[in-house]
Amino acid sequence: MASTESEKQGENPIEEIANSVYPAFALLAGMKLDLFTALEDSPLKVEQIASKIDVKHFKLKALLYALVVAGLLEVEGQFFSNTKTASKYLVKGSQSSILDKESLFSTMWHAALKTEESIRTGHPQAKLDYSEMTKDELNQFFSGEHPYAVEYGRDLIKRYDFSSYRTLLDVGGGSGGLSVAIIEAYPDIHATVIDLPAVTPVTRQYIKKANAEKRVKILTADAVNDQISGTYDAVVMTAFLQVLSQADARRAVKNISRVINPGGDIYIRGYGILDNSRISPQKLVAFNLVFINVYEEGQAYAEEEHKDWLEEAGFDNFKRTVMPDGSSIITARKI
């Protein structure tokens, strides 16, 4: 049997897979310590960095070199500095900073470690249940989710023209960040965020902070089973259907279709949309492991399943667009 190149060089491909997690853990530690911000102004020695972030230098050195290998730091002699990537994404105050996502990364990776146990028991071992979270836990969770919500809203209006809409329903909208991003760009749109009773108090905090109470209404309801008030020109679902069982996802689409005006549009975005082969996008196939650990019955669903649900609920003009990060936006129009 022919040997692979890595085997010829004495490398075990299985160990390569196992060892590939450590750069991510180094990244998370660096984010939590905020060491990239400490390095933004000038290169520093280990002891200087340790002093700036208030830690002991003898353990910090191992992390710094791990971040060099990960491509996030550079080292010249005894001095460490940020790479361009680290400066762009990992420095506090940077326009593209993702430092506030560290709690979300930590939650996802912790969940993925439970995969074997979740499969054996048939129940998620890192279940995400808002009703069982404390106020502090909810605030921490949505502090990680909120930047994504705002980012998705801004990206959506770059890709699609919302100028003809006057009413928008943000299903499972969480912090309401997506709605706020849209109404800021379109002064004529009024949005409604619908979410569960455990979540909407958090939604109110974010909407108030954005001074958006006059144009963003908050509706406490179960979008799968409850009757939804109002009618809407557009509906957005972000990372919503993936939390549901297949039967509940179908039921939710039908329920929401009742409040969309004829000719209105639906936008479904998330990391839970796979190609019909179910083996791509590869990033999302792997990410589905997180879903089975945090959702009771939810998981990623194939494009054809989404299309079936929408057609059954009275939509046409189905289209799926795959984003550079592997997520998808599905659009359809109410007949």
C-alpha atoms as a PDB file:
ATOM      1  CA  MET A   1       0.000   0.000   0.000  1.00  0.00           C
ATOM      2  CA  ALA A   2       1.380   3.410  -0.951  1.00  0.00           C
ATOM      3  CA  SER A   3       2.260   5.749   1.892  1.00  0.00           C
ATOM      4  CA  THR A   4       1.019   9.316   2.014  1.00  0.00           C
ATOM      5  CA  GLU A   5       3.523  12.159   1.985  1.00  0.00           C
ATOM      6  CA  SER A   6       2.937  12.886   5.666  1.00  0.00           C
ATOM      7  CA  GLU A   7       3.477   9.221   6.561  1.00  0.00           C
ATOM      8  CA  LYS A   8       6.715   9.160   4.556  1.00  0.00           C
ATOM      9  CA  GLN A   9       7.917  12.071   6.636  1.00  0.00           C
ATOM     10  CA  GLY A  10       7.024  10.226   9.834  1.00  0.00           C
ATOM     11  CA  GLU A  11       3.900  12.277  10.570  1.00  0.00           C
ATOM     12  CA  ASN A  12       0.746  10.562  11.763  1.00  0.00           C
ATOM     13  CA  PRO A  13      -2.270  12.149  10.014  1.00  0.00           C
ATOM     14  CA  ILE A  14      -4.540  11.229  12.933  1.00  0.00           C
ATOM     15  CA  GLU A  15      -2.275  13.068  15.349  1.00  0.00           C
ATOM     16  CA  GLU A  16      -2.282  16.033  12.977  1.00  0.00           C
ATOM     17  CA  ILE A  17      -6.067  16.203  13.320  1.00  0.00           C
ATOM     18  CA  ALA A  18      -5.844  15.855  17.105  1.00  0.00           C
ATOM     19  CA  ASN A  19      -3.171  18.544  17.401  1.00  0.00           C
ATOM     20  CA  SER A  20      -5.034  20.999  15.178  1.00  0.00           C
ATOM     21  CA  VAL A  21      -7.164  22.155  18.136  1.00  0.00           C
ATOM     22  CA  TYR A  22      -4.305  23.821  20.008  1.00  0.00           C
ATOM     23  CA  PRO A  23      -3.978  26.979  17.881  1.00  0.00           C
ATOM     24  CA  ALA A  24      -7.673  27.643  18.589  1.00  0.00           C
ATOM     25  CA  PHE A  25      -7.112  27.237  22.332  1.00  0.00           C
ATOM     26  CA  ALA A  26      -4.112  29.575  22.129  1.00  0.00           C
ATOM     27  CA  LEU A  27      -6.291  32.104  20.304  1.00  0.00           C
ATOM     28  CA  LEU A  28      -8.958  31.919  23.015  1.00  0.00           C
ATOM     29  CA  ALA A  29      -6.402  32.396  25.798  1.00  0.00           C
ATOM     30  CA  GLY A  30      -4.916  35.389  23.997  1.00  0.00           C
ATOM     31  CA  MET A  31      -8.364  36.931  23.598  1.00  0.00           C
ATOM     32  CA  LYS A  32      -9.263  36.392  27.247  1.00  0.00           C
ATOM     33  CA  LEU A  33      -5.956  37.912  28.377  1.00  0.00           C
ATOM     34  CA  ASP A  34      -6.313  40.788  25.883  1.00  0.00           C
ATOM     35  CA  LEU A  35      -2.633  40.455  25.063  1.00  0.00           C
ATOM     36  CA  PHE A  36      -3.060  41.554  21.435  1.00  0.00           C
ATOM     37  CA  THR A  37      -4.225  44.974  22.621  1.00  0.00           C
ATOM     38  CA  ALA A  38      -1.161  45.139  24.877  1.00  0.00           C
ATOM     39  CA  LEU A  39       1.062  44.587  21.830  1.00  0.00           C
ATOM     40  CA  GLU A  40      -0.619  47.035  19.481  1.00  0.00           C
ATOM     41  CA  ASP A  41       1.591  50.067  20.106  1.00  0.00           C
ATOM     42  CA  SER A  42       5.026  48.458  19.915  1.00  0.00           C
ATOM     43  CA  PRO A  43       6.903  45.130  20.116  1.00  0.00           C
ATOM     44  CA  LEU A  44       7.486  43.963  23.678  1.00  0.00           C
ATOM     45  CA  LYS A  45       9.480  41.366  25.596  1.00  0.00           C
ATOM     46  CA  VAL A  46       7.736  38.606  27.534  1.00  0.00           C
ATOM     47  CA  GLU A  47       8.238  40.391  30.854  1.00  0.00           C
ATOM     48  CA  GLN A  48       6.828  43.638  29.481  1.00  0.00           C
ATOM     49  CA  ILE A  49       3.728  41.914  28.120  1.00  0.00           C
ATOM     50  CA  ALA A  50       3.240  40.089  31.420  1.00  0.00           C
ATOM     51  CA  SER A  51       3.407  43.381  33.298  1.00  0.00           C
ATOM     52  CA  LYS A  52       0.870  45.001  30.970  1.00  0.00           C
ATOM     53  CA  ILE A  53      -1.701  42.219  31.329  1.00  0.00           C
ATOM     54  CA  ASP A  54      -0.848  41.490  34.986  1.00  0.00           C
ATOM     55  CA  VAL A  55       0.261  37.850  34.774  1.00  0.00           C
ATOM     56  CA  LYS A  56       3.400  35.833  35.607  1.00  0.00           C
ATOM     57  CA  HIS A  57       5.800  35.793  32.680  1.00  0.00           C
ATOM     58  CA  PHE A  58       7.099  32.216  33.002  1.00  0.00           C
ATOM     59  CA  LYS A  59       3.829  30.637  31.797  1.00  0.00           C
ATOM     60  CA  LEU A  60       3.027  33.394  29.319  1.00  0.00           C
ATOM     61  CA  LYS A  61       6.066  32.589  27.177  1.00  0.00           C
ATOM     62  CA  ALA A  62       4.596  29.251  26.031  1.00  0.00           C
ATOM     63  CA  LEU A  63       1.413  30.964  24.857  1.00  0.00           C
ATOM     64  CA  LEU A  64       3.306  33.660  22.956  1.00  0.00           C
ATOM     65  CA  TYR A  65       5.289  31.141  20.938  1.00  0.00           C
ATOM     66  CA  ALA A  66       2.123  29.110  20.287  1.00  0.00           C
ATOM     67  CA  LEU A  67       0.533  32.261  18.869  1.00  0.00           C
ATOM     68  CA  VAL A  68       3.576  32.797  16.653  1.00  0.00           C
ATOM     69  CA  VAL A  69       3.074  29.303  15.235  1.00  0.00           C
ATOM     70  CA  ALA A  70      -0.642  30.095  14.797  1.00  0.00           C
ATOM     71  CA  GLY A  71       0.260  33.117  12.675  1.00  0.00           C
ATOM     72  CA  LEU A  72      -1.096  35.696  15.112  1.00  0.00           C
ATOM     73  CA  LEU A  73       2.189  36.992  16.547  1.00  0.00           C
ATOM     74  CA  GLU A  74       5.654  37.605  15.141  1.00  0.00           C
ATOM     75  CA  VAL A  75       8.894  37.290  17.093  1.00  0.00           C
ATOM     76  CA  GLU A  76      12.227  38.958  16.425  1.00  0.00           C
ATOM     77  CA  GLY A  77      14.884  38.216  18.985  1.00  0.00           C
ATOM     78  CA  GLN A  78      13.162  38.650  22.338  1.00  0.00           C
ATOM     79  CA  PHE A  79      10.452  40.970  21.037  1.00  0.00           C
ATOM     80  CA  PHE A  80       6.901  39.927  20.129  1.00  0.00           C
ATOM     81  CA  SER A  81       4.479  41.904  17.945  1.00  0.00           C
ATOM     82  CA  ASN A  82       1.047  41.458  16.363  1.00  0.00           C
ATOM     83  CA  THR A  83       0.605  40.234  12.826  1.00  0.00           C
ATOM     84  CA  LYS A  84      -1.688  42.269  10.560  1.00  0.00           C
ATOM     85  CA  THR A  85      -4.460  39.735  11.172  1.00  0.00           C
ATOM     86  CA  ALA A  86      -4.194  40.085  14.950  1.00  0.00           C
ATOM     87  CA  SER A  87      -4.163  43.878  14.730  1.00  0.00           C
ATOM     88  CA  LYS A  88      -7.289  43.864  12.589  1.00  0.00           C
ATOM     89  CA  TYR A  89      -9.430  41.397  14.542  1.00  0.00           C
ATOM     90  CA  LEU A  90      -8.009  40.997  18.042  1.00  0.00           C
ATOM     91  CA  VAL A  91      -7.218  44.498  19.285  1.00  0.00           C
ATOM     92  CA  LYS A  92      -9.697  46.356  21.464  1.00  0.00           C
ATOM     93  CA  GLY A  93     -11.098  49.366  19.642  1.00  0.00           C
ATOM     94  CA  SER A  94     -10.360  48.063  16.153  1.00  0.00           C
ATOM     95  CA  GLN A  95     -13.313  48.495  13.781  1.00  0.00           C
ATOM     96  CA  SER A  96     -13.173  44.776  12.913  1.00  0.00           C
ATOM     97  CA  SER A  97     -12.448  43.542  16.446  1.00  0.00           C
ATOM     98  CA  ILE A  98     -14.041  40.233  17.450  1.00  0.00           C
ATOM     99  CA  LEU A  99     -12.811  40.242  21.043  1.00  0.00           C
ATOM    100  CA  ASP A 100     -16.389  40.242  22.315  1.00  0.00           C
ATOM    101  CA  LYS A 101     -16.915  36.837  20.688  1.00  0.00           C
ATOM    102  CA  GLU A 102     -14.552  34.990  23.010  1.00  0.00           C
ATOM    103  CA  SER A 103     -17.347  33.817  25.308  1.00  0.00           C
ATOM    104  CA  LEU A 104     -19.199  32.385  22.314  1.00  0.00           C
ATOM    105  CA  PHE A 105     -16.090  30.539  21.103  1.00  0.00           C
ATOM    106  CA  SER A 106     -15.603  29.101  24.575  1.00  0.00           C
ATOM    107  CA  THR A 107     -19.222  27.931  24.771  1.00  0.00           C
ATOM    108  CA  MET A 108     -19.098  26.261  21.341  1.00  0.00           C
ATOM    109  CA  TRP A 109     -15.858  24.389  21.974  1.00  0.00           C
ATOM    110  CA  HIS A 110     -17.013  23.238  25.389  1.00  0.00           C
ATOM    111  CA  ALA A 111     -20.169  21.886  23.757  1.00  0.00           C
ATOM    112  CA  ALA A 112     -18.300  20.023  21.022  1.00  0.00           C
ATOM    113  CA  LEU A 113     -16.319  18.095  23.649  1.00  0.00           C
ATOM    114  CA  LYS A 114     -19.611  16.470  24.729  1.00  0.00           C
ATOM    115  CA  THR A 115     -20.336  14.883  21.330  1.00  0.00           C
ATOM    116  CA  GLU A 116     -19.737  11.251  22.271  1.00  0.00           C
ATOM    117  CA  GLU A 117     -21.883  11.519  25.402  1.00  0.00           C
ATOM    118  CA  SER A 118     -24.690  13.327  23.559  1.00  0.00           C
ATOM    119  CA  ILE A 119     -24.793  10.579  20.932  1.00  0.00           C
ATOM    120  CA  ARG A 120     -24.765   7.786  23.538  1.00  0.00           C
ATOM    121  CA  THR A 121     -27.564   9.286  25.610  1.00  0.00           C
ATOM    122  CA  GLY A 122     -29.585  10.719  22.750  1.00  0.00           C
ATOM    123  CA  HIS A 123     -29.775  14.043  24.591  1.00  0.00           C
ATOM    124  CA  PRO A 124     -27.655  17.206  24.285  1.00  0.00           C
ATOM    125  CA  GLN A 125     -25.077  17.299  27.074  1.00  0.00           C
ATOM    126  CA  ALA A 126     -24.417  21.037  26.698  1.00  0.00           C
ATOM    127  CA  LYS A 127     -28.044  21.970  26.156  1.00  0.00           C
ATOM    128  CA  LEU A 128     -28.767  25.584  25.393  1.00  0.00           C
ATOM    129  CA  ASP A 129     -31.938  26.358  27.334  1.00  0.00           C
ATOM    130  CA  TYR A 130     -32.616  30.036  27.917  1.00  0.00           C
ATOM    131  CA  SER A 131     -35.275  29.279  30.516  1.00  0.00           C
ATOM    132  CA  GLU A 132     -32.689  27.597  32.751  1.00  0.00           C
ATOM    133  CA  MET A 133     -30.053  30.321  32.457  1.00  0.00           C
ATOM    134  CA  THR A 134     -29.440  32.919  35.133  1.00  0.00           C
ATOM    135  CA  LYS A 135     -29.620  36.593  34.217  1.00  0.00           C
ATOM    136  CA  ASP A 136     -25.821  36.783  34.175  1.00  0.00           C
ATOM    137  CA  GLU A 137     -25.565  33.713  31.943  1.00  0.00           C
ATOM    138  CA  LEU A 138     -28.082  35.159  29.491  1.00  0.00           C
ATOM    139  CA  ASN A 139     -26.239  38.467  29.376  1.00  0.00           C
ATOM    140  CA  GLN A 140     -22.929  36.715  28.780  1.00  0.00           C
ATOM    141  CA  PHE A 141     -24.381  34.545  26.024  1.00  0.00           C
ATOM    142  CA  PHE A 142     -25.989  37.412  24.146  1.00  0.00           C
ATOM    143  CA  SER A 143     -22.911  39.594  24.530  1.00  0.00           C
ATOM    144  CA  GLY A 144     -21.264  37.026  22.277  1.00  0.00           C
ATOM    145  CA  GLU A 145     -24.239  36.752  19.915  1.00  0.00           C
ATOM    146  CA  HIS A 146     -25.007  40.471  19.571  1.00  0.00           C
ATOM    147  CA  PRO A 147     -22.025  41.398  17.349  1.00  0.00           C
ATOM    148  CA  TYR A 148     -23.023  38.643  14.924  1.00  0.00           C
ATOM    149  CA  ALA A 149     -26.614  39.912  14.852  1.00  0.00           C
ATOM    150  CA  VAL A 150     -25.519  43.443  13.997  1.00  0.00           C
ATOM    151  CA  GLU A 151     -23.049  42.152  11.422  1.00  0.00           C
ATOM    152  CA  TYR A 152     -25.717  39.988   9.759  1.00  0.00           C
ATOM    153  CA  GLY A 153     -28.132  42.910   9.585  1.00  0.00           C
ATOM    154  CA  ARG A 154     -25.571  45.146   7.930  1.00  0.00           C
ATOM    155  CA  ASP A 155     -24.543  42.428   5.525  1.00  0.00           C
ATOM    156  CA  LEU A 156     -28.158  41.700   4.600  1.00  0.00           C
ATOM    157  CA  ILE A 157     -28.873  45.277   3.547  1.00  0.00           C
ATOM    158  CA  LYS A 158     -25.672  45.385   1.510  1.00  0.00           C
ATOM    159  CA  ARG A 159     -26.868  42.394  -0.490  1.00  0.00           C
ATOM    160  CA  TYR A 160     -30.595  43.141  -0.776  1.00  0.00           C
ATOM    161  CA  ASP A 161     -32.764  46.207  -1.317  1.00  0.00           C
ATOM    162  CA  PHE A 162     -35.097  46.768   1.646  1.00  0.00           C
ATOM    163  CA  SER A 163     -36.422  50.133   0.443  1.00  0.00           C
ATOM    164  CA  SER A 164     -39.893  48.809  -0.448  1.00  0.00           C
ATOM    165  CA  TYR A 165     -40.498  47.343   3.028  1.00  0.00           C
ATOM    166  CA  ARG A 166     -42.282  49.129   5.822  1.00  0.00           C
ATOM    167  CA  THR A 167     -42.640  46.278   8.322  1.00  0.00           C
ATOM    168  CA  LEU A 168     -40.077  43.645   9.281  1.00  0.00           C
ATOM    169  CA  LEU A 169     -40.401  40.572  11.514  1.00  0.00           C
ATOM    170  CA  ASP A 170     -37.154  39.356  13.107  1.00  0.00           C
ATOM    171  CA  VAL A 171     -37.870  35.762  14.177  1.00  0.00           C
ATOM    172  CA  GLY A 172     -35.836  34.486  17.114  1.00  0.00           C
ATOM    173  CA  GLY A 173     -34.092  37.843  16.993  1.00  0.00           C
ATOM    174  CA  GLY A 174     -32.330  37.577  20.355  1.00  0.00           C
ATOM    175  CA  SER A 175     -30.646  40.886  21.121  1.00  0.00           C
ATOM    176  CA  GLY A 176     -32.438  42.610  18.246  1.00  0.00           C
ATOM    177  CA  GLY A 177     -29.106  43.654  16.770  1.00  0.00           C
ATOM    178  CA  LEU A 178     -30.137  42.661  13.253  1.00  0.00           C
ATOM    179  CA  SER A 179     -33.305  44.758  13.414  1.00  0.00           C
ATOM    180  CA  VAL A 180     -31.436  47.766  14.772  1.00  0.00           C
ATOM    181  CA  ALA A 181     -28.882  47.569  11.961  1.00  0.00           C
ATOM    182  CA  ILE A 182     -31.676  47.498   9.372  1.00  0.00           C
ATOM    183  CA  ILE A 183     -33.807  50.330  10.772  1.00  0.00           C
ATOM    184  CA  GLU A 184     -30.740  52.543  11.100  1.00  0.00           C
ATOM    185  CA  ALA A 185     -30.197  52.182   7.356  1.00  0.00           C
ATOM    186  CA  TYR A 186     -33.902  52.404   6.413  1.00  0.00           C
ATOM    187  CA  PRO A 187     -35.788  55.121   8.351  1.00  0.00           C
ATOM    188  CA  ASP A 188     -39.182  54.006   6.984  1.00  0.00           C
ATOM    189  CA  ILE A 189     -38.963  50.457   8.339  1.00  0.00           C
ATOM    190  CA  HIS A 190     -40.498  49.439  11.662  1.00  0.00           C
ATOM    191  CA  ALA A 191     -39.304  46.107  13.038  1.00  0.00           C
ATOM    192  CA  THR A 192     -40.734  43.537  15.434  1.00  0.00           C
ATOM    193  CA  VAL A 193     -38.455  41.107  17.250  1.00  0.00           C
ATOM    194  CA  ILE A 194     -40.152  37.884  18.325  1.00  0.00           C
ATOM    195  CA  ASP A 195     -38.527  35.587  20.862  1.00  0.00           C
ATOM    196  CA  LEU A 196     -39.208  33.430  23.911  1.00  0.00           C
ATOM    197  CA  PRO A 197     -40.142  34.785  27.374  1.00  0.00           C
ATOM    198  CA  ALA A 198     -36.678  34.100  28.789  1.00  0.00           C
ATOM    199  CA  VAL A 199     -35.017  36.102  26.013  1.00  0.00           C
ATOM    200  CA  THR A 200     -37.130  39.220  25.485  1.00  0.00           C
ATOM    201  CA  PRO A 201     -35.982  40.954  28.715  1.00  0.00           C
ATOM    202  CA  VAL A 202     -32.469  40.841  27.246  1.00  0.00           C
ATOM    203  CA  THR A 203     -33.842  42.090  23.921  1.00  0.00           C
ATOM    204  CA  ARG A 204     -35.327  45.112  25.696  1.00  0.00           C
ATOM    205  CA  GLN A 205     -31.944  45.969  27.201  1.00  0.00           C
ATOM    206  CA  TYR A 206     -30.250  46.044  23.803  1.00  0.00           C
ATOM    207  CA  ILE A 207     -33.083  47.919  22.082  1.00  0.00           C
ATOM    208  CA  LYS A 208     -33.082  50.530  24.846  1.00  0.00           C
ATOM    209  CA  LYS A 209     -29.305  50.881  24.638  1.00  0.00           C
ATOM    210  CA  ALA A 210     -29.659  51.526  20.892  1.00  0.00           C
ATOM    211  CA  ASN A 211     -32.408  54.133  21.521  1.00  0.00           C
ATOM    212  CA  ALA A 212     -34.597  52.159  19.130  1.00  0.00           C
ATOM    213  CA  GLU A 213     -37.743  51.636  21.244  1.00  0.00           C
ATOM    214  CA  LYS A 214     -39.907  53.764  18.943  1.00  0.00           C
ATOM    215  CA  ARG A 215     -39.154  51.688  15.859  1.00  0.00           C
ATOM    216  CA  VAL A 216     -38.463  48.203  17.226  1.00  0.00           C
ATOM    217  CA  LYS A 217     -41.347  46.390  18.892  1.00  0.00           C
ATOM    218  CA  ILE A 218     -40.711  43.307  21.021  1.00  0.00           C
ATOM    219  CA  LEU A 219     -43.120  40.379  20.863  1.00  0.00           C
ATOM    220  CA  THR A 220     -42.900  37.588  23.429  1.00  0.00           C
ATOM    221  CA  ALA A 221     -44.153  34.408  21.773  1.00  0.00           C
ATOM    222  CA  ASP A 222     -43.319  30.941  20.496  1.00  0.00           C
ATOM    223  CA  ALA A 223     -42.907  31.344  16.738  1.00  0.00           C
ATOM    224  CA  VAL A 224     -43.601  27.640  16.201  1.00  0.00           C
ATOM    225  CA  ASN A 225     -46.992  27.370  17.890  1.00  0.00           C
ATOM    226  CA  ASP A 226     -48.331  30.774  18.965  1.00  0.00           C
ATOM    227  CA  GLN A 227     -50.477  33.029  16.827  1.00  0.00           C
ATOM    228  CA  ILE A 228     -48.308  35.946  15.714  1.00  0.00           C
ATOM    229  CA  SER A 229     -49.842  39.398  15.638  1.00  0.00           C
ATOM    230  CA  GLY A 230     -49.442  41.863  12.789  1.00  0.00           C
ATOM    231  CA  THR A 231     -48.574  41.542   9.102  1.00  0.00           C
ATOM    232  CA  TYR A 232     -45.155  42.057   7.577  1.00  0.00           C
ATOM    233  CA  ASP A 233     -43.491  42.913   4.287  1.00  0.00           C
ATOM    234  CA  ALA A 234     -40.352  40.961   5.142  1.00  0.00           C
ATOM    235  CA  VAL A 235     -39.314  38.271   7.602  1.00  0.00           C
ATOM    236  CA  VAL A 236     -35.785  37.423   8.682  1.00  0.00           C
ATOM    237  CA  MET A 237     -34.788  34.195  10.419  1.00  0.00           C
ATOM    238  CA  THR A 238     -31.189  34.035  11.592  1.00  0.00           C
ATOM    239  CA  ALA A 239     -29.918  30.762  13.059  1.00  0.00           C
ATOM    240  CA  PHE A 240     -33.516  29.875  13.914  1.00  0.00           C
ATOM    241  CA  LEU A 241     -34.656  26.763  12.027  1.00  0.00           C
ATOM    242  CA  GLN A 242     -31.489  24.916  13.039  1.00  0.00           C
ATOM    243  CA  VAL A 243     -32.599  24.934  16.700  1.00  0.00           C
ATOM    244  CA  LEU A 244     -35.801  23.036  15.871  1.00  0.00           C
ATOM    245  CA  SER A 245     -36.745  19.487  15.020  1.00  0.00           C
ATOM    246  CA  GLN A 246     -37.631  18.864  11.390  1.00  0.00           C
ATOM    247  CA  ALA A 247     -41.341  18.790  12.233  1.00  0.00           C
ATOM    248  CA  ASP A 248     -41.168  22.024  14.239  1.00  0.00           C
ATOM    249  CA  ALA A 249     -39.141  23.746  11.529  1.00  0.00           C
ATOM    250  CA  ARG A 250     -41.865  22.922   9.000  1.00  0.00           C
ATOM    251  CA  ARG A 251     -44.536  24.105  11.445  1.00  0.00           C
ATOM    252  CA  ALA A 252     -42.671  27.353  12.147  1.00  0.00           C
ATOM    253  CA  VAL A 253     -42.354  28.236   8.463  1.00  0.00           C
ATOM    254  CA  LYS A 254     -46.091  27.629   7.958  1.00  0.00           C
ATOM    255  CA  ASN A 255     -46.985  29.648  11.042  1.00  0.00           C
ATOM    256  CA  ILE A 256     -44.847  32.599  10.016  1.00  0.00           C
ATOM    257  CA  SER A 257     -46.084  32.481   6.417  1.00  0.00           C
ATOM    258  CA  ARG A 258     -49.546  33.477   7.678  1.00  0.00           C
ATOM    259  CA  VAL A 259     -48.341  36.957   8.661  1.00  0.00           C
ATOM    260  CA  ILE A 260     -46.290  37.747   5.543  1.00  0.00           C
ATOM    261  CA  ASN A 261     -48.042  39.968   3.035  1.00  0.00           C
ATOM    262  CA  PRO A 262     -48.472  38.581  -0.507  1.00  0.00           C
ATOM    263  CA  GLY A 263     -45.349  39.505  -2.429  1.00  0.00           C
ATOM    264  CA  GLY A 264     -43.410  39.759   0.825  1.00  0.00           C
ATOM    265  CA  ASP A 265     -39.989  38.202   1.203  1.00  0.00           C
ATOM    266  CA  ILE A 266     -38.396  35.808   3.655  1.00  0.00           C
ATOM    267  CA  TYR A 267     -34.668  35.705   4.413  1.00  0.00           C
ATOM    268  CA  ILE A 268     -33.211  32.677   6.180  1.00  0.00           C
ATOM    269  CA  ARG A 269     -29.584  32.906   7.244  1.00  0.00           C
ATOM    270  CA  GLY A 270     -27.490  30.572   9.315  1.00  0.00           C
ATOM    271  CA  TYR A 271     -24.727  28.045   9.709  1.00  0.00           C
ATOM    272  CA  GLY A 272     -27.312  25.278   9.673  1.00  0.00           C
ATOM    273  CA  ILE A 273     -27.836  25.011   5.909  1.00  0.00           C
ATOM    274  CA  LEU A 274     -26.019  22.196   4.105  1.00  0.00           C
ATOM    275  CA  ASP A 275     -25.750  21.193   0.473  1.00  0.00           C
ATOM    276  CA  ASN A 276     -28.018  18.291  -0.446  1.00  0.00           C
ATOM    277  CA  SER A 277     -25.009  15.953  -0.272  1.00  0.00           C
ATOM    278  CA  ARG A 278     -24.716  16.876   3.443  1.00  0.00           C
ATOM    279  CA  ILE A 279     -20.906  16.842   3.192  1.00  0.00           C
ATOM    280  CA  SER A 280     -20.450  20.499   2.301  1.00  0.00           C
ATOM    281  CA  PRO A 281     -19.770  23.239   3.142  1.00  0.00           C
ATOM    282  CA  GLN A 282     -17.194  21.248   5.118  1.00  0.00           C
ATOM    283  CA  LYS A 283     -16.912  23.850   7.868  1.00  0.00           C
ATOM    284  CA  LEU A 284     -20.625  23.547   8.592  1.00  0.00           C
ATOM    285  CA  VAL A 285     -20.617  19.758   8.520  1.00  0.00           C
ATOM    286  CA  ALA A 286     -18.121  19.912  11.383  1.00  0.00           C
ATOM    287  CA  PHE A 287     -20.000  22.753  13.095  1.00  0.00           C
ATOM    288  CA  ASN A 288     -23.100  20.564  13.155  1.00  0.00           C
ATOM    289  CA  LEU A 289     -21.421  18.722  16.034  1.00  0.00           C
ATOM    290  CA  VAL A 290     -22.025  21.815  18.152  1.00  0.00           C
ATOM    291  CA  PHE A 291     -25.710  21.801  17.225  1.00  0.00           C
ATOM    292  CA  ILE A 292     -26.321  18.212  18.330  1.00  0.00           C
ATOM    293  CA  ASN A 293     -24.759  19.022  21.703  1.00  0.00           C
ATOM    294  CA  VAL A 294     -26.754  22.179  22.410  1.00  0.00           C
ATOM    295  CA  TYR A 295     -30.159  21.554  20.796  1.00  0.00           C
ATOM    296  CA  GLU A 296     -32.606  18.869  21.901  1.00  0.00           C
ATOM    297  CA  GLU A 297     -33.651  18.017  18.344  1.00  0.00           C
ATOM    298  CA  GLY A 298     -32.145  20.762  16.194  1.00  0.00           C
ATOM    299  CA  GLN A 299     -29.343  20.308  13.696  1.00  0.00           C
ATOM    300  CA  ALA A 300     -28.205  21.517  10.286  1.00  0.00           C
ATOM    301  CA  TYR A 301     -30.683  20.823   7.475  1.00  0.00           C
ATOM    302  CA  ALA A 302     -30.151  20.405   3.749  1.00  0.00           C
ATOM    303  CA  GLU A 303     -31.103  22.971   1.120  1.00  0.00           C
ATOM    304  CA  GLU A 304     -33.822  20.687  -0.257  1.00  0.00           C
ATOM    305  CA  GLU A 305     -35.497  20.489   3.162  1.00  0.00           C
ATOM    306  CA  HIS A 306     -35.690  24.279   3.407  1.00  0.00           C
ATOM    307  CA  LYS A 307     -37.103  24.430  -0.113  1.00  0.00           C
ATOM    308  CA  ASP A 308     -39.796  21.870   0.724  1.00  0.00           C
ATOM    309  CA  TRP A 309     -40.857  23.758   3.867  1.00  0.00           C
ATOM    310  CA  LEU A 310     -41.099  27.050   2.010  1.00  0.00           C
ATOM    311  CA  GLU A 311     -43.020  25.663  -0.957  1.00  0.00           C
ATOM    312  CA  GLU A 312     -45.488  23.930   1.370  1.00  0.00           C
ATOM    313  CA  ALA A 313     -46.033  27.261   3.143  1.00  0.00           C
ATOM    314  CA  GLY A 314     -46.824  29.138  -0.064  1.00  0.00           C
ATOM    315  CA  PHE A 315     -43.501  30.607  -1.177  1.00  0.00           C
ATOM    316  CA  ASP A 316     -41.810  30.601  -4.575  1.00  0.00           C
ATOM    317  CA  ASN A 317     -38.684  32.176  -6.137  1.00  0.00           C
ATOM    318  CA  PHE A 318     -36.492  30.049  -3.857  1.00  0.00           C
ATOM    319  CA  LYS A 319     -32.811  30.931  -3.989  1.00  0.00           C
ATOM    320  CA  ARG A 320     -29.828  29.977  -1.853  1.00  0.00           C
ATOM    321  CA  THR A 321     -26.607  31.987  -1.752  1.00  0.00           C
ATOM    322  CA  VAL A 322     -23.549  30.535  -0.004  1.00  0.00           C
ATOM    323  CA  MET A 323     -21.435  33.110   1.828  1.00  0.00           C
ATOM    324  CA  PRO A 324     -17.609  33.074   1.953  1.00  0.00           C
ATOM    325  CA  ASP A 325     -17.746  31.853   5.572  1.00  0.00           C
ATOM    326  CA  GLY A 326     -19.860  28.830   4.584  1.00  0.00           C
ATOM    327  CA  SER A 327     -23.145  30.163   5.933  1.00  0.00           C
ATOM    328  CA  SER A 328     -26.075  30.587   3.563  1.00  0.00           C
ATOM    329  CA  ILE A 329     -28.856  33.045   2.859  1.00  0.00           C
ATOM    330  CA  ILE A 330     -32.068  31.542   1.522  1.00  0.00           C
ATOM    331  CA  THR A 331     -34.640  33.892   0.011  1.00  0.00           C
ATOM    332  CA  ALA A 332     -38.193  33.227  -1.158  1.00  0.00           C
ATOM    333  CA  ARG A 333     -41.313  35.253  -1.948  1.00  0.00           C
ATOM    334  CA  LYS A 334     -44.816  34.777  -0.572  1.00  0.00           C
ATOM    335  CA  ILE A 335     -47.281  33.979  -3.336  1.00  0.00           C
END
